[in-house]
Amino acid sequence: MHAFDILGDPVRRRILELLAGGELTSGAVAAVVQAEFGISQPAVSQHLKVLREAGFATVRADGARRLYAVDAAPLEEVDVWLHTFRRFWDQRLDSLATELARGRRERRDSSGADTPEEDHTP
């Protein structure tokens, strides 16, 4: 399966978001995903299996529990592929940053924050 096939599914994306915060048990992942998407625990387990088999997640045993974590390698490959297209949004983000800075400067100048206050001492 291609990385974008994996990432194209909103449930799998949500699972990766959860795992990005650190290791979670399959039960913890299932509880959140079941509540948010209304799917069964076996369906969540299937998504975890897809993520694991595609290399996006790792699992380790801790007694009877299974702890899942993100494996960054496939995400790095996606990042490399996206690099080709960054120029399309980097320029826009740079322009946005310029406009935000201009707006802050104009607000500061209009509020008189940089002008000294008059001394009203009698």
PDB file of N, CA and C in Angstrom:
ATOM      1  N   MET A   1       0.836  -1.166   0.000  1.00  0.00           N
ATOM      2  CA  MET A   1       0.000   0.000   0.000  1.00  0.00           C
ATOM      3  C   MET A   1       0.894   1.247   0.000  1.00  0.00           C
ATOM      4  N   HIS A   2       0.533   2.238  -0.772  1.00  0.00           N
ATOM      5  CA  HIS A   2       1.275   3.490  -0.864  1.00  0.00           C
ATOM      6  C   HIS A   2       1.009   4.346   0.375  1.00  0.00           C
ATOM      7  N   ALA A   3       1.977   5.168   0.755  1.00  0.00           N
ATOM      8  CA  ALA A   3       1.844   5.998   1.958  1.00  0.00           C
ATOM      9  C   ALA A   3       0.578   6.846   1.936  1.00  0.00           C
ATOM     10  N   PHE A   4       0.236   7.381   0.780  1.00  0.00           N
ATOM     11  CA  PHE A   4      -0.946   8.248   0.725  1.00  0.00           C
ATOM     12  C   PHE A   4      -2.240   7.444   0.810  1.00  0.00           C
ATOM     13  N   ASP A   5      -2.188   6.159   0.462  1.00  0.00           N
ATOM     14  CA  ASP A   5      -3.350   5.295   0.699  1.00  0.00           C
ATOM     15  C   ASP A   5      -3.559   5.132   2.203  1.00  0.00           C
ATOM     16  N   ILE A   6      -2.469   5.007   2.920  1.00  0.00           N
ATOM     17  CA  ILE A   6      -2.535   4.880   4.370  1.00  0.00           C
ATOM     18  C   ILE A   6      -3.039   6.182   4.982  1.00  0.00           C
ATOM     19  N   LEU A   7      -2.414   7.284   4.604  1.00  0.00           N
ATOM     20  CA  LEU A   7      -2.741   8.585   5.182  1.00  0.00           C
ATOM     21  C   LEU A   7      -4.064   9.152   4.687  1.00  0.00           C
ATOM     22  N   GLY A   8      -4.589   8.591   3.620  1.00  0.00           N
ATOM     23  CA  GLY A   8      -5.852   9.075   3.065  1.00  0.00           C
ATOM     24  C   GLY A   8      -7.058   8.729   3.914  1.00  0.00           C
ATOM     25  N   ASP A   9      -6.911   7.793   4.811  1.00  0.00           N
ATOM     26  CA  ASP A   9      -8.029   7.380   5.659  1.00  0.00           C
ATOM     27  C   ASP A   9      -8.060   8.230   6.921  1.00  0.00           C
ATOM     28  N   PRO A  10      -9.177   8.886   7.216  1.00  0.00           N
ATOM     29  CA  PRO A  10      -9.235   9.768   8.395  1.00  0.00           C
ATOM     30  C   PRO A  10      -9.043   9.033   9.716  1.00  0.00           C
ATOM     31  N   VAL A  11      -9.460   7.792   9.803  1.00  0.00           N
ATOM     32  CA  VAL A  11      -9.271   7.035  11.048  1.00  0.00           C
ATOM     33  C   VAL A  11      -7.784   6.780  11.265  1.00  0.00           C
ATOM     34  N   ARG A  12      -7.084   6.365  10.223  1.00  0.00           N
ATOM     35  CA  ARG A  12      -5.652   6.106  10.369  1.00  0.00           C
ATOM     36  C   ARG A  12      -4.881   7.390  10.655  1.00  0.00           C
ATOM     37  N   ARG A  13      -5.287   8.501  10.023  1.00  0.00           N
ATOM     38  CA  ARG A  13      -4.637   9.773  10.334  1.00  0.00           C
ATOM     39  C   ARG A  13      -4.841  10.124  11.802  1.00  0.00           C
ATOM     40  N   ARG A  14      -6.045   9.923  12.311  1.00  0.00           N
ATOM     41  CA  ARG A  14      -6.333  10.239  13.712  1.00  0.00           C
ATOM     42  C   ARG A  14      -5.514   9.346  14.644  1.00  0.00           C
ATOM     43  N   ILE A  15      -5.388   8.091  14.296  1.00  0.00           N
ATOM     44  CA  ILE A  15      -4.576   7.188  15.120  1.00  0.00           C
ATOM     45  C   ILE A  15      -3.131   7.687  15.160  1.00  0.00           C
ATOM     46  N   LEU A  16      -2.595   8.088  14.016  1.00  0.00           N
ATOM     47  CA  LEU A  16      -1.226   8.614  13.988  1.00  0.00           C
ATOM     48  C   LEU A  16      -1.110   9.884  14.824  1.00  0.00           C
ATOM     49  N   GLU A  17      -2.132  10.737  14.778  1.00  0.00           N
ATOM     50  CA  GLU A  17      -2.118  11.945  15.610  1.00  0.00           C
ATOM     51  C   GLU A  17      -2.060  11.569  17.083  1.00  0.00           C
ATOM     52  N   LEU A  18      -2.842  10.579  17.471  1.00  0.00           N
ATOM     53  CA  LEU A  18      -2.831  10.132  18.861  1.00  0.00           C
ATOM     54  C   LEU A  18      -1.464   9.575  19.247  1.00  0.00           C
ATOM     55  N   LEU A  19      -0.901   8.764  18.381  1.00  0.00           N
ATOM     56  CA  LEU A  19       0.389   8.138  18.661  1.00  0.00           C
ATOM     57  C   LEU A  19       1.538   9.139  18.631  1.00  0.00           C
ATOM     58  N   ALA A  20       1.351  10.247  17.947  1.00  0.00           N
ATOM     59  CA  ALA A  20       2.398  11.271  17.901  1.00  0.00           C
ATOM     60  C   ALA A  20       2.664  11.840  19.287  1.00  0.00           C
ATOM     61  N   GLY A  21       1.703  11.723  20.178  1.00  0.00           N
ATOM     62  CA  GLY A  21       1.890  12.197  21.546  1.00  0.00           C
ATOM     63  C   GLY A  21       2.665  11.231  22.412  1.00  0.00           C
ATOM     64  N   GLY A  22       2.954  10.055  21.919  1.00  0.00           N
ATOM     65  CA  GLY A  22       3.690   9.053  22.672  1.00  0.00           C
ATOM     66  C   GLY A  22       2.984   7.712  22.608  1.00  0.00           C
ATOM     67  N   GLU A  23       3.626   6.721  23.162  1.00  0.00           N
ATOM     68  CA  GLU A  23       3.083   5.363  23.153  1.00  0.00           C
ATOM     69  C   GLU A  23       1.709   5.309  23.807  1.00  0.00           C
ATOM     70  N   LEU A  24       0.832   4.534  23.202  1.00  0.00           N
ATOM     71  CA  LEU A  24      -0.506   4.301  23.757  1.00  0.00           C
ATOM     72  C   LEU A  24      -0.846   2.826  23.642  1.00  0.00           C
ATOM     73  N   THR A  25      -1.646   2.360  24.568  1.00  0.00           N
ATOM     74  CA  THR A  25      -2.139   0.990  24.464  1.00  0.00           C
ATOM     75  C   THR A  25      -3.171   0.932  23.353  1.00  0.00           C
ATOM     76  N   SER A  26      -3.352  -0.264  22.822  1.00  0.00           N
ATOM     77  CA  SER A  26      -4.369  -0.427  21.783  1.00  0.00           C
ATOM     78  C   SER A  26      -5.744  -0.071  22.345  1.00  0.00           C
ATOM     79  N   GLY A  27      -5.978  -0.367  23.622  1.00  0.00           N
ATOM     80  CA  GLY A  27      -7.256  -0.030  24.249  1.00  0.00           C
ATOM     81  C   GLY A  27      -7.492   1.462  24.325  1.00  0.00           C
ATOM     82  N   ALA A  28      -6.445   2.231  24.637  1.00  0.00           N
ATOM     83  CA  ALA A  28      -6.573   3.691  24.698  1.00  0.00           C
ATOM     84  C   ALA A  28      -6.861   4.263  23.319  1.00  0.00           C
ATOM     85  N   VAL A  29      -6.161   3.756  22.317  1.00  0.00           N
ATOM     86  CA  VAL A  29      -6.401   4.204  20.940  1.00  0.00           C
ATOM     87  C   VAL A  29      -7.835   3.862  20.545  1.00  0.00           C
ATOM     88  N   ALA A  30      -8.234   2.639  20.810  1.00  0.00           N
ATOM     89  CA  ALA A  30      -9.576   2.185  20.438  1.00  0.00           C
ATOM     90  C   ALA A  30     -10.649   3.034  21.107  1.00  0.00           C
ATOM     91  N   ALA A  31     -10.467   3.377  22.376  1.00  0.00           N
ATOM     92  CA  ALA A  31     -11.476   4.162  23.093  1.00  0.00           C
ATOM     93  C   ALA A  31     -11.700   5.513  22.429  1.00  0.00           C
ATOM     94  N   VAL A  32     -10.615   6.191  22.074  1.00  0.00           N
ATOM     95  CA  VAL A  32     -10.740   7.511  21.436  1.00  0.00           C
ATOM     96  C   VAL A  32     -11.360   7.380  20.052  1.00  0.00           C
ATOM     97  N   VAL A  33     -10.842   6.461  19.269  1.00  0.00           N
ATOM     98  CA  VAL A  33     -11.312   6.319  17.884  1.00  0.00           C
ATOM     99  C   VAL A  33     -12.761   5.851  17.851  1.00  0.00           C
ATOM    100  N   GLN A  34     -13.119   4.939  18.735  1.00  0.00           N
ATOM    101  CA  GLN A  34     -14.510   4.484  18.790  1.00  0.00           C
ATOM    102  C   GLN A  34     -15.438   5.644  19.122  1.00  0.00           C
ATOM    103  N   ALA A  35     -15.049   6.478  20.073  1.00  0.00           N
ATOM    104  CA  ALA A  35     -15.884   7.616  20.466  1.00  0.00           C
ATOM    105  C   ALA A  35     -16.007   8.640  19.344  1.00  0.00           C
ATOM    106  N   GLU A  36     -14.911   8.880  18.636  1.00  0.00           N
ATOM    107  CA  GLU A  36     -14.911   9.914  17.601  1.00  0.00           C
ATOM    108  C   GLU A  36     -15.516   9.452  16.277  1.00  0.00           C
ATOM    109  N   PHE A  37     -15.333   8.183  15.936  1.00  0.00           N
ATOM    110  CA  PHE A  37     -15.764   7.707  14.618  1.00  0.00           C
ATOM    111  C   PHE A  37     -16.918   6.708  14.687  1.00  0.00           C
ATOM    112  N   GLY A  38     -17.229   6.239  15.879  1.00  0.00           N
ATOM    113  CA  GLY A  38     -18.332   5.292  16.022  1.00  0.00           C
ATOM    114  C   GLY A  38     -18.079   3.945  15.372  1.00  0.00           C
ATOM    115  N   ILE A  39     -16.825   3.513  15.363  1.00  0.00           N
ATOM    116  CA  ILE A  39     -16.516   2.215  14.770  1.00  0.00           C
ATOM    117  C   ILE A  39     -16.198   1.221  15.888  1.00  0.00           C
ATOM    118  N   SER A  40     -16.216  -0.041  15.554  1.00  0.00           N
ATOM    119  CA  SER A  40     -16.022  -1.095  16.549  1.00  0.00           C
ATOM    120  C   SER A  40     -14.542  -1.250  16.910  1.00  0.00           C
ATOM    121  N   GLN A  41     -14.293  -1.920  18.032  1.00  0.00           N
ATOM    122  CA  GLN A  41     -12.927  -2.200  18.456  1.00  0.00           C
ATOM    123  C   GLN A  41     -12.198  -3.062  17.432  1.00  0.00           C
ATOM    124  N   PRO A  42     -12.838  -4.095  16.843  1.00  0.00           N
ATOM    125  CA  PRO A  42     -12.136  -4.860  15.802  1.00  0.00           C
ATOM    126  C   PRO A  42     -11.758  -4.003  14.586  1.00  0.00           C
ATOM    127  N   ALA A  43     -12.584  -3.015  14.259  1.00  0.00           N
ATOM    128  CA  ALA A  43     -12.255  -2.127  13.137  1.00  0.00           C
ATOM    129  C   ALA A  43     -11.034  -1.274  13.473  1.00  0.00           C
ATOM    130  N   VAL A  44     -10.966  -0.793  14.712  1.00  0.00           N
ATOM    131  CA  VAL A  44      -9.798  -0.020  15.146  1.00  0.00           C
ATOM    132  C   VAL A  44      -8.560  -0.914  15.094  1.00  0.00           C
ATOM    133  N   SER A  45      -8.683  -2.137  15.561  1.00  0.00           N
ATOM    134  CA  SER A  45      -7.559  -3.074  15.519  1.00  0.00           C
ATOM    135  C   SER A  45      -7.084  -3.305  14.087  1.00  0.00           C
ATOM    136  N   GLN A  46      -8.008  -3.353  13.158  1.00  0.00           N
ATOM    137  CA  GLN A  46      -7.635  -3.535  11.750  1.00  0.00           C
ATOM    138  C   GLN A  46      -6.840  -2.326  11.247  1.00  0.00           C
ATOM    139  N   HIS A  47      -7.260  -1.136  11.630  1.00  0.00           N
ATOM    140  CA  HIS A  47      -6.515   0.072  11.238  1.00  0.00           C
ATOM    141  C   HIS A  47      -5.116   0.062  11.855  1.00  0.00           C
ATOM    142  N   LEU A  48      -5.011  -0.333  13.116  1.00  0.00           N
ATOM    143  CA  LEU A  48      -3.697  -0.437  13.746  1.00  0.00           C
ATOM    144  C   LEU A  48      -2.822  -1.445  13.007  1.00  0.00           C
ATOM    145  N   LYS A  49      -3.412  -2.548  12.577  1.00  0.00           N
ATOM    146  CA  LYS A  49      -2.674  -3.571  11.832  1.00  0.00           C
ATOM    147  C   LYS A  49      -2.166  -3.007  10.507  1.00  0.00           C
ATOM    148  N   VAL A  50      -3.014  -2.263   9.802  1.00  0.00           N
ATOM    149  CA  VAL A  50      -2.607  -1.655   8.530  1.00  0.00           C
ATOM    150  C   VAL A  50      -1.441  -0.697   8.765  1.00  0.00           C
ATOM    151  N   LEU A  51      -1.550   0.140   9.807  1.00  0.00           N
ATOM    152  CA  LEU A  51      -0.472   1.082  10.111  1.00  0.00           C
ATOM    153  C   LEU A  51       0.818   0.342  10.455  1.00  0.00           C
ATOM    154  N   ARG A  52       0.704  -0.715  11.208  1.00  0.00           N
ATOM    155  CA  ARG A  52       1.877  -1.507  11.597  1.00  0.00           C
ATOM    156  C   ARG A  52       2.512  -2.175  10.383  1.00  0.00           C
ATOM    157  N   GLU A  53       1.700  -2.822   9.562  1.00  0.00           N
ATOM    158  CA  GLU A  53       2.229  -3.536   8.393  1.00  0.00           C
ATOM    159  C   GLU A  53       2.819  -2.585   7.352  1.00  0.00           C
ATOM    160  N   ALA A  54       2.306  -1.364   7.288  1.00  0.00           N
ATOM    161  CA  ALA A  54       2.828  -0.380   6.337  1.00  0.00           C
ATOM    162  C   ALA A  54       4.051   0.349   6.898  1.00  0.00           C
ATOM    163  N   GLY A  55       4.386   0.071   8.169  1.00  0.00           N
ATOM    164  CA  GLY A  55       5.571   0.670   8.765  1.00  0.00           C
ATOM    165  C   GLY A  55       5.338   2.010   9.437  1.00  0.00           C
ATOM    166  N   PHE A  56       4.100   2.461   9.538  1.00  0.00           N
ATOM    167  CA  PHE A  56       3.802   3.750  10.158  1.00  0.00           C
ATOM    168  C   PHE A  56       3.730   3.661  11.675  1.00  0.00           C
ATOM    169  N   ALA A  57       3.553   2.467  12.196  1.00  0.00           N
ATOM    170  CA  ALA A  57       3.440   2.283  13.640  1.00  0.00           C
ATOM    171  C   ALA A  57       4.225   1.055  14.054  1.00  0.00           C
ATOM    172  N   THR A  58       4.697   1.108  15.282  1.00  0.00           N
ATOM    173  CA  THR A  58       5.359  -0.045  15.875  1.00  0.00           C
ATOM    174  C   THR A  58       4.513  -0.510  17.051  1.00  0.00           C
ATOM    175  N   VAL A  59       4.711  -1.752  17.438  1.00  0.00           N
ATOM    176  CA  VAL A  59       4.002  -2.282  18.598  1.00  0.00           C
ATOM    177  C   VAL A  59       5.004  -3.067  19.427  1.00  0.00           C
ATOM    178  N   ARG A  60       4.849  -2.958  20.741  1.00  0.00           N
ATOM    179  CA  ARG A  60       5.678  -3.757  21.632  1.00  0.00           C
ATOM    180  C   ARG A  60       4.794  -4.285  22.752  1.00  0.00           C
ATOM    181  N   ALA A  61       5.141  -5.457  23.192  1.00  0.00           N
ATOM    182  CA  ALA A  61       4.385  -6.083  24.272  1.00  0.00           C
ATOM    183  C   ALA A  61       4.884  -5.560  25.605  1.00  0.00           C
ATOM    184  N   ASP A  62       3.934  -5.302  26.481  1.00  0.00           N
ATOM    185  CA  ASP A  62       4.232  -4.924  27.864  1.00  0.00           C
ATOM    186  C   ASP A  62       3.284  -5.735  28.733  1.00  0.00           C
ATOM    187  N   GLY A  63       3.706  -6.957  29.038  1.00  0.00           N
ATOM    188  CA  GLY A  63       2.811  -7.889  29.717  1.00  0.00           C
ATOM    189  C   GLY A  63       1.690  -8.259  28.759  1.00  0.00           C
ATOM    190  N   ALA A  64       0.475  -8.095  29.209  1.00  0.00           N
ATOM    191  CA  ALA A  64      -0.681  -8.406  28.363  1.00  0.00           C
ATOM    192  C   ALA A  64      -1.053  -7.244  27.452  1.00  0.00           C
ATOM    193  N   ARG A  65      -0.460  -6.086  27.702  1.00  0.00           N
ATOM    194  CA  ARG A  65      -0.793  -4.897  26.899  1.00  0.00           C
ATOM    195  C   ARG A  65       0.065  -4.811  25.644  1.00  0.00           C
ATOM    196  N   ARG A  66      -0.472  -4.163  24.635  1.00  0.00           N
ATOM    197  CA  ARG A  66       0.258  -3.867  23.409  1.00  0.00           C
ATOM    198  C   ARG A  66       0.363  -2.356  23.307  1.00  0.00           C
ATOM    199  N   LEU A  67       1.602  -1.863  23.269  1.00  0.00           N
ATOM    200  CA  LEU A  67       1.842  -0.431  23.182  1.00  0.00           C
ATOM    201  C   LEU A  67       2.224  -0.059  21.757  1.00  0.00           C
ATOM    202  N   TYR A  68       1.506   0.900  21.206  1.00  0.00           N
ATOM    203  CA  TYR A  68       1.740   1.367  19.844  1.00  0.00           C
ATOM    204  C   TYR A  68       2.438   2.718  19.866  1.00  0.00           C
ATOM    205  N   ALA A  69       3.269   2.943  18.859  1.00  0.00           N
ATOM    206  CA  ALA A  69       3.981   4.212  18.713  1.00  0.00           C
ATOM    207  C   ALA A  69       4.140   4.502  17.224  1.00  0.00           C
ATOM    208  N   VAL A  70       4.393   5.754  16.910  1.00  0.00           N
ATOM    209  CA  VAL A  70       4.630   6.158  15.518  1.00  0.00           C
ATOM    210  C   VAL A  70       6.025   5.723  15.115  1.00  0.00           C
ATOM    211  N   ASP A  71       6.155   5.244  13.905  1.00  0.00           N
ATOM    212  CA  ASP A  71       7.459   5.011  13.287  1.00  0.00           C
ATOM    213  C   ASP A  71       7.617   6.119  12.248  1.00  0.00           C
ATOM    214  N   ALA A  72       8.577   6.992  12.437  1.00  0.00           N
ATOM    215  CA  ALA A  72       8.705   8.195  11.616  1.00  0.00           C
ATOM    216  C   ALA A  72       9.232   7.945  10.205  1.00  0.00           C
ATOM    217  N   ALA A  73       9.848   6.809   9.946  1.00  0.00           N
ATOM    218  CA  ALA A  73      10.494   6.586   8.647  1.00  0.00           C
ATOM    219  C   ALA A  73       9.555   6.805   7.450  1.00  0.00           C
ATOM    220  N   PRO A  74       8.355   6.219   7.420  1.00  0.00           N
ATOM    221  CA  PRO A  74       7.493   6.461   6.272  1.00  0.00           C
ATOM    222  C   PRO A  74       7.026   7.919   6.176  1.00  0.00           C
ATOM    223  N   LEU A  75       6.894   8.572   7.325  1.00  0.00           N
ATOM    224  CA  LEU A  75       6.495   9.979   7.312  1.00  0.00           C
ATOM    225  C   LEU A  75       7.608  10.846   6.749  1.00  0.00           C
ATOM    226  N   GLU A  76       8.850  10.468   7.008  1.00  0.00           N
ATOM    227  CA  GLU A  76       9.982  11.185   6.429  1.00  0.00           C
ATOM    228  C   GLU A  76       9.996  11.035   4.914  1.00  0.00           C
ATOM    229  N   GLU A  77       9.636   9.858   4.430  1.00  0.00           N
ATOM    230  CA  GLU A  77       9.556   9.639   2.982  1.00  0.00           C
ATOM    231  C   GLU A  77       8.477  10.527   2.365  1.00  0.00           C
ATOM    232  N   VAL A  78       7.352  10.665   3.048  1.00  0.00           N
ATOM    233  CA  VAL A  78       6.284  11.548   2.580  1.00  0.00           C
ATOM    234  C   VAL A  78       6.789  12.986   2.560  1.00  0.00           C
ATOM    235  N   ASP A  79       7.509  13.373   3.605  1.00  0.00           N
ATOM    236  CA  ASP A  79       8.052  14.726   3.688  1.00  0.00           C
ATOM    237  C   ASP A  79       9.000  15.012   2.532  1.00  0.00           C
ATOM    238  N   VAL A  80       9.850  14.037   2.190  1.00  0.00           N
ATOM    239  CA  VAL A  80      10.767  14.202   1.060  1.00  0.00           C
ATOM    240  C   VAL A  80       9.975  14.394  -0.233  1.00  0.00           C
ATOM    241  N   TRP A  81       8.928  13.604  -0.414  1.00  0.00           N
ATOM    242  CA  TRP A  81       8.112  13.722  -1.621  1.00  0.00           C
ATOM    243  C   TRP A  81       7.423  15.084  -1.665  1.00  0.00           C
ATOM    244  N   LEU A  82       6.922  15.542  -0.526  1.00  0.00           N
ATOM    245  CA  LEU A  82       6.230  16.836  -0.477  1.00  0.00           C
ATOM    246  C   LEU A  82       7.169  18.014  -0.714  1.00  0.00           C
ATOM    247  N   HIS A  83       8.464  17.807  -0.468  1.00  0.00           N
ATOM    248  CA  HIS A  83       9.439  18.886  -0.653  1.00  0.00           C
ATOM    249  C   HIS A  83       9.338  19.496  -2.051  1.00  0.00           C
ATOM    250  N   THR A  84       9.063  18.681  -3.034  1.00  0.00           N
ATOM    251  CA  THR A  84       8.924  19.152  -4.413  1.00  0.00           C
ATOM    252  C   THR A  84       7.830  20.213  -4.534  1.00  0.00           C
ATOM    253  N   PHE A  85       6.834  20.134  -3.687  1.00  0.00           N
ATOM    254  CA  PHE A  85       5.673  21.010  -3.807  1.00  0.00           C
ATOM    255  C   PHE A  85       5.670  22.157  -2.802  1.00  0.00           C
ATOM    256  N   ARG A  86       6.631  22.187  -1.890  1.00  0.00           N
ATOM    257  CA  ARG A  86       6.658  23.228  -0.859  1.00  0.00           C
ATOM    258  C   ARG A  86       6.721  24.627  -1.441  1.00  0.00           C
ATOM    259  N   ARG A  87       7.362  24.775  -2.564  1.00  0.00           N
ATOM    260  CA  ARG A  87       7.490  26.110  -3.157  1.00  0.00           C
ATOM    261  C   ARG A  87       6.128  26.728  -3.435  1.00  0.00           C
ATOM    262  N   PHE A  88       5.106  25.897  -3.612  1.00  0.00           N
ATOM    263  CA  PHE A  88       3.772  26.418  -3.895  1.00  0.00           C
ATOM    264  C   PHE A  88       3.147  27.082  -2.676  1.00  0.00           C
ATOM    265  N   TRP A  89       3.495  26.601  -1.481  1.00  0.00           N
ATOM    266  CA  TRP A  89       2.905  27.239  -0.300  1.00  0.00           C
ATOM    267  C   TRP A  89       3.917  28.025   0.529  1.00  0.00           C
ATOM    268  N   ASP A  90       5.211  27.773   0.377  1.00  0.00           N
ATOM    269  CA  ASP A  90       6.196  28.532   1.142  1.00  0.00           C
ATOM    270  C   ASP A  90       6.130  30.020   0.825  1.00  0.00           C
ATOM    271  N   GLN A  91       5.999  30.356  -0.463  1.00  0.00           N
ATOM    272  CA  GLN A  91       5.928  31.768  -0.846  1.00  0.00           C
ATOM    273  C   GLN A  91       4.693  32.419  -0.230  1.00  0.00           C
ATOM    274  N   ARG A  92       3.574  31.698  -0.239  1.00  0.00           N
ATOM    275  CA  ARG A  92       2.357  32.247   0.358  1.00  0.00           C
ATOM    276  C   ARG A  92       2.508  32.418   1.859  1.00  0.00           C
ATOM    277  N   LEU A  93       3.159  31.466   2.510  1.00  0.00           N
ATOM    278  CA  LEU A  93       3.378  31.581   3.949  1.00  0.00           C
ATOM    279  C   LEU A  93       4.319  32.733   4.271  1.00  0.00           C
ATOM    280  N   ASP A  94       5.334  32.933   3.435  1.00  0.00           N
ATOM    281  CA  ASP A  94       6.224  34.075   3.626  1.00  0.00           C
ATOM    282  C   ASP A  94       5.457  35.380   3.474  1.00  0.00           C
ATOM    283  N   SER A  95       4.560  35.440   2.486  1.00  0.00           N
ATOM    284  CA  SER A  95       3.745  36.637   2.288  1.00  0.00           C
ATOM    285  C   SER A  95       2.819  36.876   3.472  1.00  0.00           C
ATOM    286  N   LEU A  96       2.249  35.803   3.994  1.00  0.00           N
ATOM    287  CA  LEU A  96       1.385  35.924   5.163  1.00  0.00           C
ATOM    288  C   LEU A  96       2.177  36.449   6.357  1.00  0.00           C
ATOM    289  N   ALA A  97       3.364  35.946   6.569  1.00  0.00           N
ATOM    290  CA  ALA A  97       4.201  36.414   7.678  1.00  0.00           C
ATOM    291  C   ALA A  97       4.507  37.900   7.536  1.00  0.00           C
ATOM    292  N   THR A  98       4.767  38.344   6.315  1.00  0.00           N
ATOM    293  CA  THR A  98       5.032  39.762   6.070  1.00  0.00           C
ATOM    294  C   THR A  98       3.804  40.600   6.409  1.00  0.00           C
ATOM    295  N   GLU A  99       2.641  40.153   5.975  1.00  0.00           N
ATOM    296  CA  GLU A  99       1.408  40.893   6.256  1.00  0.00           C
ATOM    297  C   GLU A  99       1.092  40.925   7.748  1.00  0.00           C
ATOM    298  N   LEU A 100       1.329  39.827   8.438  1.00  0.00           N
ATOM    299  CA  LEU A 100       1.097  39.806   9.882  1.00  0.00           C
ATOM    300  C   LEU A 100       2.026  40.778  10.593  1.00  0.00           C
ATOM    301  N   ALA A 101       3.288  40.805  10.181  1.00  0.00           N
ATOM    302  CA  ALA A 101       4.249  41.733  10.786  1.00  0.00           C
ATOM    303  C   ALA A 101       3.843  43.171  10.498  1.00  0.00           C
ATOM    304  N   ARG A 102       3.395  43.437   9.292  1.00  0.00           N
ATOM    305  CA  ARG A 102       2.957  44.788   8.923  1.00  0.00           C
ATOM    306  C   ARG A 102       1.764  45.204   9.785  1.00  0.00           C
ATOM    307  N   GLY A 103       0.815  44.290   9.979  1.00  0.00           N
ATOM    308  CA  GLY A 103      -0.357  44.592  10.803  1.00  0.00           C
ATOM    309  C   GLY A 103       0.019  44.869  12.250  1.00  0.00           C
ATOM    310  N   ARG A 104       0.946  44.091  12.806  1.00  0.00           N
ATOM    311  CA  ARG A 104       1.402  44.328  14.178  1.00  0.00           C
ATOM    312  C   ARG A 104       2.076  45.685  14.292  1.00  0.00           C
ATOM    313  N   ARG A 105       2.894  46.018  13.308  1.00  0.00           N
ATOM    314  CA  ARG A 105       3.595  47.297  13.317  1.00  0.00           C
ATOM    315  C   ARG A 105       2.595  48.444  13.239  1.00  0.00           C
ATOM    316  N   GLU A 106       1.586  48.311  12.363  1.00  0.00           N
ATOM    317  CA  GLU A 106       0.583  49.374  12.225  1.00  0.00           C
ATOM    318  C   GLU A 106      -0.229  49.534  13.502  1.00  0.00           C
ATOM    319  N   ARG A 107      -0.588  48.420  14.152  1.00  0.00           N
ATOM    320  CA  ARG A 107      -1.329  48.508  15.419  1.00  0.00           C
ATOM    321  C   ARG A 107      -0.478  49.180  16.492  1.00  0.00           C
ATOM    322  N   ARG A 108       0.786  48.804  16.551  1.00  0.00           N
ATOM    323  CA  ARG A 108       1.693  49.387  17.536  1.00  0.00           C
ATOM    324  C   ARG A 108       1.849  50.886  17.284  1.00  0.00           C
ATOM    325  N   ASP A 109       2.032  51.272  16.022  1.00  0.00           N
ATOM    326  CA  ASP A 109       2.206  52.680  15.689  1.00  0.00           C
ATOM    327  C   ASP A 109       0.943  53.488  15.985  1.00  0.00           C
ATOM    328  N   SER A 110      -0.212  52.910  15.711  1.00  0.00           N
ATOM    329  CA  SER A 110      -1.461  53.654  15.928  1.00  0.00           C
ATOM    330  C   SER A 110      -1.855  53.725  17.402  1.00  0.00           C
ATOM    331  N   SER A 111      -1.341  52.797  18.208  1.00  0.00           N
ATOM    332  CA  SER A 111      -1.679  52.814  19.637  1.00  0.00           C
ATOM    333  C   SER A 111      -0.768  53.749  20.415  1.00  0.00           C
ATOM    334  N   GLY A 112       0.307  54.190  19.783  1.00  0.00           N
ATOM    335  CA  GLY A 112       1.234  55.092  20.453  1.00  0.00           C
ATOM    336  C   GLY A 112       2.074  54.397  21.497  1.00  0.00           C
ATOM    337  N   ALA A 113       2.205  53.108  21.371  1.00  0.00           N
ATOM    338  CA  ALA A 113       2.940  52.331  22.369  1.00  0.00           C
ATOM    339  C   ALA A 113       4.407  52.736  22.450  1.00  0.00           C
ATOM    340  N   ASP A 114       4.937  53.257  21.366  1.00  0.00           N
ATOM    341  CA  ASP A 114       6.351  53.615  21.357  1.00  0.00           C
ATOM    342  C   ASP A 114       6.579  55.086  21.694  1.00  0.00           C
ATOM    343  N   THR A 115       5.505  55.877  21.850  1.00  0.00           N
ATOM    344  CA  THR A 115       5.679  57.290  22.150  1.00  0.00           C
ATOM    345  C   THR A 115       5.727  57.477  23.651  1.00  0.00           C
ATOM    346  N   PRO A 116       6.605  58.344  24.141  1.00  0.00           N
ATOM    347  CA  PRO A 116       6.711  58.544  25.596  1.00  0.00           C
ATOM    348  C   PRO A 116       5.454  59.210  26.135  1.00  0.00           C
ATOM    349  N   GLU A 117       5.067  58.815  27.331  1.00  0.00           N
ATOM    350  CA  GLU A 117       3.896  59.431  27.951  1.00  0.00           C
ATOM    351  C   GLU A 117       4.294  60.775  28.537  1.00  0.00           C
ATOM    352  N   GLU A 118       3.319  61.691  28.546  1.00  0.00           N
ATOM    353  CA  GLU A 118       3.595  63.011  29.124  1.00  0.00           C
ATOM    354  C   GLU A 118       3.639  62.896  30.625  1.00  0.00           C
ATOM    355  N   ASP A 119       4.454  63.742  31.219  1.00  0.00           N
ATOM    356  CA  ASP A 119       4.563  63.772  32.681  1.00  0.00           C
ATOM    357  C   ASP A 119       3.465  64.677  33.208  1.00  0.00           C
ATOM    358  N   HIS A 120       2.548  64.115  33.975  1.00  0.00           N
ATOM    359  CA  HIS A 120       1.422  64.880  34.526  1.00  0.00           C
ATOM    360  C   HIS A 120       1.630  65.186  36.000  1.00  0.00           C
ATOM    361  N   THR A 121       2.892  65.302  36.453  1.00  0.00           N
ATOM    362  CA  THR A 121       3.184  65.572  37.844  1.00  0.00           C
ATOM    363  C   THR A 121       2.870  67.027  38.151  1.00  0.00           C
ATOM    364  N   PRO A 122       2.109  67.299  39.204  1.00  0.00           N
ATOM    365  CA  PRO A 122       1.791  68.713  39.519  1.00  0.00           C
ATOM    366  C   PRO A 122       2.974  69.462  40.028  1.00  0.00           C
TER     367      PRO A 122
END
